[in-house]
């Protein structure tokens, strides 16, 4: 896999240099389902109001639409931004509310 440096002004650059929300380490069991694919068991490793990183042993291509399902919650729609070494990074289609994000962190951190 050849890595390229994100261009200034791109979404990839912004997510690495100036995140829109702080990420919090968690360990939340759940499922991720790429569009047109099967539901895969996962563990969400970090989360913020704008996205998450989770275990994804099968490669999921950047740009793929997916849904993250966490215990007791409806599925969250997201777009895959990157996949590397069995971990996928996704941006939520709609930001989580601050209260909703805080409740997840309080429960699973």
N, C-alpha and C. Protein backbone atom coordinates (compact mmCIF):
# COMPACT_ATOMS: atom_id res chain seq x y z
N UNK A 1 0.84 -1.17 0.00
CA UNK A 1 0.00 0.00 0.00
C UNK A 1 0.89 1.24 0.00
N UNK A 2 0.68 2.10 -0.95
CA UNK A 2 1.45 3.34 -1.04
C UNK A 2 0.68 4.43 -0.32
N UNK A 3 1.34 5.07 0.61
CA UNK A 3 0.71 6.17 1.34
C UNK A 3 1.05 7.48 0.67
N UNK A 4 0.06 8.34 0.58
CA UNK A 4 0.29 9.67 0.05
C UNK A 4 0.00 10.67 1.15
N UNK A 5 0.64 11.79 1.08
CA UNK A 5 0.39 12.85 2.04
C UNK A 5 -0.87 13.59 1.63
N UNK A 6 -1.83 13.71 2.57
CA UNK A 6 -3.06 14.44 2.23
C UNK A 6 -2.75 15.89 1.84
N UNK A 7 -3.50 16.39 0.88
CA UNK A 7 -3.31 17.77 0.44
C UNK A 7 -3.99 18.73 1.41
N UNK A 8 -3.34 19.85 1.65
CA UNK A 8 -3.91 20.87 2.52
C UNK A 8 -5.26 21.27 1.96
N UNK A 9 -6.26 21.32 2.85
CA UNK A 9 -7.61 21.68 2.44
C UNK A 9 -8.49 20.47 2.18
N UNK A 10 -7.90 19.27 2.08
CA UNK A 10 -8.69 18.07 1.85
C UNK A 10 -9.28 17.59 3.18
N UNK A 11 -10.32 16.76 3.08
CA UNK A 11 -10.92 16.20 4.29
C UNK A 11 -9.88 15.37 5.06
N UNK A 12 -9.10 14.58 4.33
CA UNK A 12 -8.10 13.74 4.96
C UNK A 12 -7.10 14.56 5.77
N UNK A 13 -6.68 15.70 5.22
CA UNK A 13 -5.75 16.58 5.93
C UNK A 13 -6.41 17.13 7.19
N UNK A 14 -7.64 17.57 7.05
CA UNK A 14 -8.35 18.15 8.19
C UNK A 14 -8.53 17.14 9.31
N UNK A 15 -8.82 15.89 8.95
CA UNK A 15 -9.02 14.89 9.99
C UNK A 15 -7.74 14.55 10.72
N UNK A 16 -6.61 14.73 10.08
CA UNK A 16 -5.33 14.44 10.73
C UNK A 16 -4.78 15.65 11.49
N UNK A 17 -5.06 16.83 11.02
CA UNK A 17 -4.42 18.02 11.58
C UNK A 17 -5.33 18.89 12.44
N UNK A 18 -6.59 18.93 12.15
CA UNK A 18 -7.49 19.84 12.85
C UNK A 18 -8.85 19.16 13.00
N UNK A 19 -8.91 18.17 13.84
CA UNK A 19 -10.14 17.40 13.98
C UNK A 19 -11.29 18.28 14.42
N UNK A 20 -12.47 17.95 13.89
CA UNK A 20 -13.64 18.75 14.23
C UNK A 20 -14.16 18.42 15.62
N UNK A 21 -13.74 17.29 16.18
CA UNK A 21 -14.14 16.90 17.52
C UNK A 21 -13.07 16.00 18.12
N UNK A 22 -12.87 16.10 19.43
CA UNK A 22 -11.87 15.27 20.10
C UNK A 22 -12.30 13.82 20.09
N UNK A 23 -11.36 12.92 19.81
CA UNK A 23 -11.62 11.49 19.87
C UNK A 23 -11.41 11.01 21.30
N UNK A 24 -12.22 10.03 21.69
CA UNK A 24 -12.10 9.45 23.03
C UNK A 24 -11.93 7.94 22.87
N UNK A 25 -10.93 7.38 23.55
CA UNK A 25 -10.71 5.93 23.52
C UNK A 25 -11.88 5.23 24.19
N UNK A 26 -12.41 4.21 23.53
CA UNK A 26 -13.49 3.40 24.07
C UNK A 26 -13.27 1.96 23.61
N UNK A 27 -14.10 1.07 24.08
CA UNK A 27 -14.11 -0.32 23.60
C UNK A 27 -15.58 -0.74 23.57
N UNK A 28 -16.25 -0.43 22.45
CA UNK A 28 -17.68 -0.69 22.33
C UNK A 28 -17.90 -1.82 21.33
N UNK A 29 -18.46 -2.95 21.79
CA UNK A 29 -18.75 -4.03 20.85
C UNK A 29 -19.93 -3.63 19.97
N UNK A 30 -19.93 -4.10 18.75
CA UNK A 30 -21.03 -3.79 17.85
C UNK A 30 -20.84 -4.44 16.51
N UNK A 31 -21.46 -3.84 15.50
CA UNK A 31 -21.39 -4.35 14.14
C UNK A 31 -21.19 -3.21 13.17
N UNK A 32 -20.47 -3.50 12.09
CA UNK A 32 -20.34 -2.55 11.00
C UNK A 32 -20.81 -3.28 9.74
N UNK A 33 -21.61 -2.60 8.93
CA UNK A 33 -22.10 -3.20 7.70
C UNK A 33 -21.85 -2.26 6.54
N UNK A 34 -20.91 -2.63 5.67
CA UNK A 34 -20.68 -1.83 4.47
C UNK A 34 -21.86 -1.98 3.51
N UNK A 35 -22.15 -0.97 2.73
CA UNK A 35 -23.25 -1.05 1.78
C UNK A 35 -23.06 -2.27 0.88
N UNK A 36 -24.11 -3.05 0.72
CA UNK A 36 -24.05 -4.25 -0.11
C UNK A 36 -23.31 -5.41 0.50
N UNK A 37 -22.86 -5.26 1.75
CA UNK A 37 -22.08 -6.32 2.40
C UNK A 37 -22.79 -6.90 3.59
N UNK A 38 -22.14 -7.87 4.19
CA UNK A 38 -22.67 -8.52 5.38
C UNK A 38 -22.26 -7.77 6.63
N UNK A 39 -23.07 -7.92 7.66
CA UNK A 39 -22.77 -7.33 8.96
C UNK A 39 -21.56 -8.04 9.57
N UNK A 40 -20.59 -7.26 10.02
CA UNK A 40 -19.37 -7.79 10.60
C UNK A 40 -19.25 -7.36 12.05
N UNK A 41 -18.90 -8.30 12.92
CA UNK A 41 -18.66 -7.96 14.32
C UNK A 41 -17.45 -7.03 14.39
N UNK A 42 -17.51 -6.06 15.30
CA UNK A 42 -16.42 -5.09 15.43
C UNK A 42 -16.33 -4.61 16.87
N UNK A 43 -15.27 -3.91 17.16
CA UNK A 43 -15.14 -3.16 18.41
C UNK A 43 -14.74 -1.75 18.02
N UNK A 44 -15.54 -0.79 18.44
CA UNK A 44 -15.21 0.62 18.20
C UNK A 44 -14.09 1.00 19.16
N UNK A 45 -13.00 1.52 18.61
CA UNK A 45 -11.80 1.83 19.40
C UNK A 45 -11.75 3.27 19.88
N UNK A 46 -12.27 4.17 19.08
CA UNK A 46 -12.39 5.56 19.52
C UNK A 46 -13.59 6.17 18.82
N UNK A 47 -14.12 7.22 19.44
CA UNK A 47 -15.33 7.84 18.91
C UNK A 47 -15.32 9.32 19.22
N UNK A 48 -15.97 10.08 18.37
CA UNK A 48 -16.18 11.51 18.60
C UNK A 48 -17.55 11.82 18.02
N UNK A 49 -17.96 13.05 18.15
CA UNK A 49 -19.26 13.45 17.58
C UNK A 49 -19.26 13.37 16.06
N UNK A 50 -18.08 13.35 15.44
CA UNK A 50 -18.01 13.37 13.98
C UNK A 50 -17.58 12.05 13.35
N UNK A 51 -17.11 11.08 14.14
CA UNK A 51 -16.69 9.83 13.53
C UNK A 51 -16.15 8.84 14.53
N UNK A 52 -15.59 7.76 13.99
CA UNK A 52 -15.10 6.69 14.85
C UNK A 52 -14.02 5.88 14.13
N UNK A 53 -13.29 5.10 14.89
CA UNK A 53 -12.37 4.10 14.35
C UNK A 53 -12.76 2.77 14.98
N UNK A 54 -12.76 1.71 14.16
CA UNK A 54 -13.20 0.42 14.63
C UNK A 54 -12.40 -0.70 13.96
N UNK A 55 -12.40 -1.86 14.59
CA UNK A 55 -11.77 -3.04 14.02
C UNK A 55 -12.54 -3.44 12.76
N UNK A 56 -11.82 -3.71 11.68
CA UNK A 56 -12.42 -4.17 10.43
C UNK A 56 -11.40 -5.06 9.74
N UNK A 57 -11.43 -6.34 10.07
CA UNK A 57 -10.44 -7.26 9.53
C UNK A 57 -10.52 -7.31 8.01
N UNK A 58 -11.74 -7.34 7.46
CA UNK A 58 -11.90 -7.31 6.01
C UNK A 58 -11.68 -5.88 5.52
N UNK A 59 -10.97 -5.74 4.41
CA UNK A 59 -10.70 -4.41 3.86
C UNK A 59 -12.00 -3.74 3.43
N UNK A 60 -12.14 -2.49 3.83
CA UNK A 60 -13.29 -1.67 3.43
C UNK A 60 -12.72 -0.44 2.73
N UNK A 61 -13.07 -0.26 1.49
CA UNK A 61 -12.47 0.80 0.68
C UNK A 61 -12.95 2.19 1.10
N UNK A 62 -12.04 3.16 1.13
CA UNK A 62 -12.44 4.54 1.39
C UNK A 62 -13.53 4.96 0.39
N UNK A 63 -14.50 5.72 0.90
CA UNK A 63 -15.62 6.16 0.09
C UNK A 63 -16.84 5.25 0.22
N UNK A 64 -16.67 4.09 0.86
CA UNK A 64 -17.77 3.16 1.05
C UNK A 64 -18.72 3.67 2.13
N UNK A 65 -20.01 3.60 1.86
CA UNK A 65 -21.03 3.93 2.87
C UNK A 65 -21.15 2.72 3.80
N UNK A 66 -21.32 2.95 5.10
CA UNK A 66 -21.49 1.85 6.04
C UNK A 66 -22.41 2.29 7.18
N UNK A 67 -22.79 1.31 7.98
CA UNK A 67 -23.62 1.58 9.15
C UNK A 67 -22.97 0.93 10.35
N UNK A 68 -22.87 1.68 11.45
CA UNK A 68 -22.32 1.21 12.71
C UNK A 68 -23.48 0.99 13.68
N UNK A 69 -23.59 -0.22 14.19
CA UNK A 69 -24.63 -0.53 15.17
C UNK A 69 -23.97 -0.81 16.51
N UNK A 70 -24.39 -0.07 17.53
CA UNK A 70 -23.87 -0.22 18.89
C UNK A 70 -25.01 -0.70 19.79
N UNK A 71 -24.70 -1.35 20.91
CA UNK A 71 -25.73 -1.93 21.78
C UNK A 71 -26.81 -0.91 22.18
N UNK A 72 -28.06 -1.28 21.93
CA UNK A 72 -29.20 -0.48 22.36
C UNK A 72 -29.46 0.78 21.56
N UNK A 73 -28.76 0.95 20.44
CA UNK A 73 -28.92 2.18 19.65
C UNK A 73 -29.25 1.84 18.20
N UNK A 74 -29.92 2.76 17.50
CA UNK A 74 -30.13 2.54 16.07
C UNK A 74 -28.80 2.67 15.33
N UNK A 75 -28.75 2.15 14.13
CA UNK A 75 -27.51 2.21 13.34
C UNK A 75 -27.17 3.64 12.95
N UNK A 76 -25.89 3.95 12.96
CA UNK A 76 -25.38 5.27 12.55
C UNK A 76 -24.79 5.13 11.15
N UNK A 77 -25.21 5.98 10.23
CA UNK A 77 -24.67 5.97 8.87
C UNK A 77 -23.34 6.73 8.86
N UNK A 78 -22.38 6.19 8.11
CA UNK A 78 -21.06 6.82 8.04
C UNK A 78 -20.41 6.54 6.69
N UNK A 79 -19.35 7.27 6.39
CA UNK A 79 -18.56 7.07 5.19
C UNK A 79 -17.15 6.66 5.62
N UNK A 80 -16.63 5.63 4.97
CA UNK A 80 -15.28 5.18 5.26
C UNK A 80 -14.30 6.21 4.72
N UNK A 81 -13.38 6.66 5.55
CA UNK A 81 -12.36 7.63 5.17
C UNK A 81 -11.03 6.92 4.92
N UNK A 82 -10.71 5.93 5.75
CA UNK A 82 -9.48 5.18 5.58
C UNK A 82 -9.63 3.78 6.16
N UNK A 83 -8.81 2.87 5.69
CA UNK A 83 -8.68 1.52 6.24
C UNK A 83 -7.20 1.18 6.22
N UNK A 84 -6.70 0.70 7.35
CA UNK A 84 -5.29 0.32 7.41
C UNK A 84 -5.08 -0.70 8.51
N UNK A 85 -4.46 -1.80 8.16
CA UNK A 85 -4.06 -2.79 9.14
C UNK A 85 -5.19 -3.33 9.99
N UNK A 86 -6.35 -3.51 9.42
CA UNK A 86 -7.47 -4.07 10.16
C UNK A 86 -8.27 -3.07 10.98
N UNK A 87 -8.05 -1.80 10.75
CA UNK A 87 -8.81 -0.75 11.44
C UNK A 87 -9.39 0.18 10.38
N UNK A 88 -10.65 0.57 10.57
CA UNK A 88 -11.33 1.47 9.64
C UNK A 88 -11.64 2.78 10.36
N UNK A 89 -11.47 3.89 9.66
CA UNK A 89 -11.82 5.21 10.19
C UNK A 89 -12.97 5.76 9.38
N UNK A 90 -14.03 6.18 10.06
CA UNK A 90 -15.24 6.63 9.38
C UNK A 90 -15.72 7.97 9.91
N UNK A 91 -16.39 8.71 9.03
CA UNK A 91 -17.02 9.99 9.40
C UNK A 91 -18.52 9.78 9.38
N UNK A 92 -19.19 10.14 10.47
CA UNK A 92 -20.64 10.03 10.52
C UNK A 92 -21.27 10.94 9.47
N UNK A 93 -22.34 10.46 8.84
CA UNK A 93 -23.07 11.27 7.87
C UNK A 93 -23.72 12.46 8.56
N UNK A 94 -24.25 12.23 9.76
CA UNK A 94 -24.80 13.30 10.59
C UNK A 94 -24.07 13.27 11.93
N UNK A 95 -23.60 14.42 12.37
CA UNK A 95 -22.88 14.48 13.64
C UNK A 95 -23.74 13.95 14.78
N UNK A 96 -23.11 13.28 15.73
CA UNK A 96 -23.82 12.88 16.93
C UNK A 96 -24.04 14.12 17.78
N UNK A 97 -25.12 14.14 18.53
CA UNK A 97 -25.33 15.26 19.45
C UNK A 97 -24.28 15.19 20.54
N UNK A 98 -23.96 16.31 21.12
CA UNK A 98 -22.97 16.35 22.20
C UNK A 98 -23.43 15.48 23.36
N UNK A 99 -24.72 15.52 23.69
CA UNK A 99 -25.25 14.71 24.79
C UNK A 99 -25.18 13.22 24.46
N UNK A 100 -25.52 12.86 23.22
CA UNK A 100 -25.48 11.46 22.81
C UNK A 100 -24.06 10.92 22.83
N UNK A 101 -23.13 11.71 22.36
CA UNK A 101 -21.72 11.31 22.35
C UNK A 101 -21.21 11.16 23.78
N UNK A 102 -21.55 12.10 24.63
CA UNK A 102 -21.12 12.05 26.03
C UNK A 102 -21.69 10.82 26.73
N UNK A 103 -22.93 10.47 26.43
CA UNK A 103 -23.56 9.29 27.04
C UNK A 103 -22.83 8.01 26.61
N UNK A 104 -22.45 7.93 25.32
CA UNK A 104 -21.69 6.76 24.84
C UNK A 104 -20.36 6.65 25.56
N UNK A 105 -19.65 7.77 25.66
CA UNK A 105 -18.34 7.77 26.30
C UNK A 105 -18.48 7.40 27.77
N UNK A 106 -19.46 7.96 28.47
CA UNK A 106 -19.65 7.66 29.88
C UNK A 106 -19.92 6.18 30.11
N UNK A 107 -20.67 5.58 29.19
CA UNK A 107 -21.03 4.16 29.34
C UNK A 107 -19.88 3.22 29.00
N UNK A 108 -19.05 3.58 28.01
CA UNK A 108 -18.08 2.63 27.47
C UNK A 108 -16.61 2.98 27.68
N UNK A 109 -16.31 4.13 28.22
CA UNK A 109 -14.90 4.50 28.35
C UNK A 109 -14.22 3.70 29.43
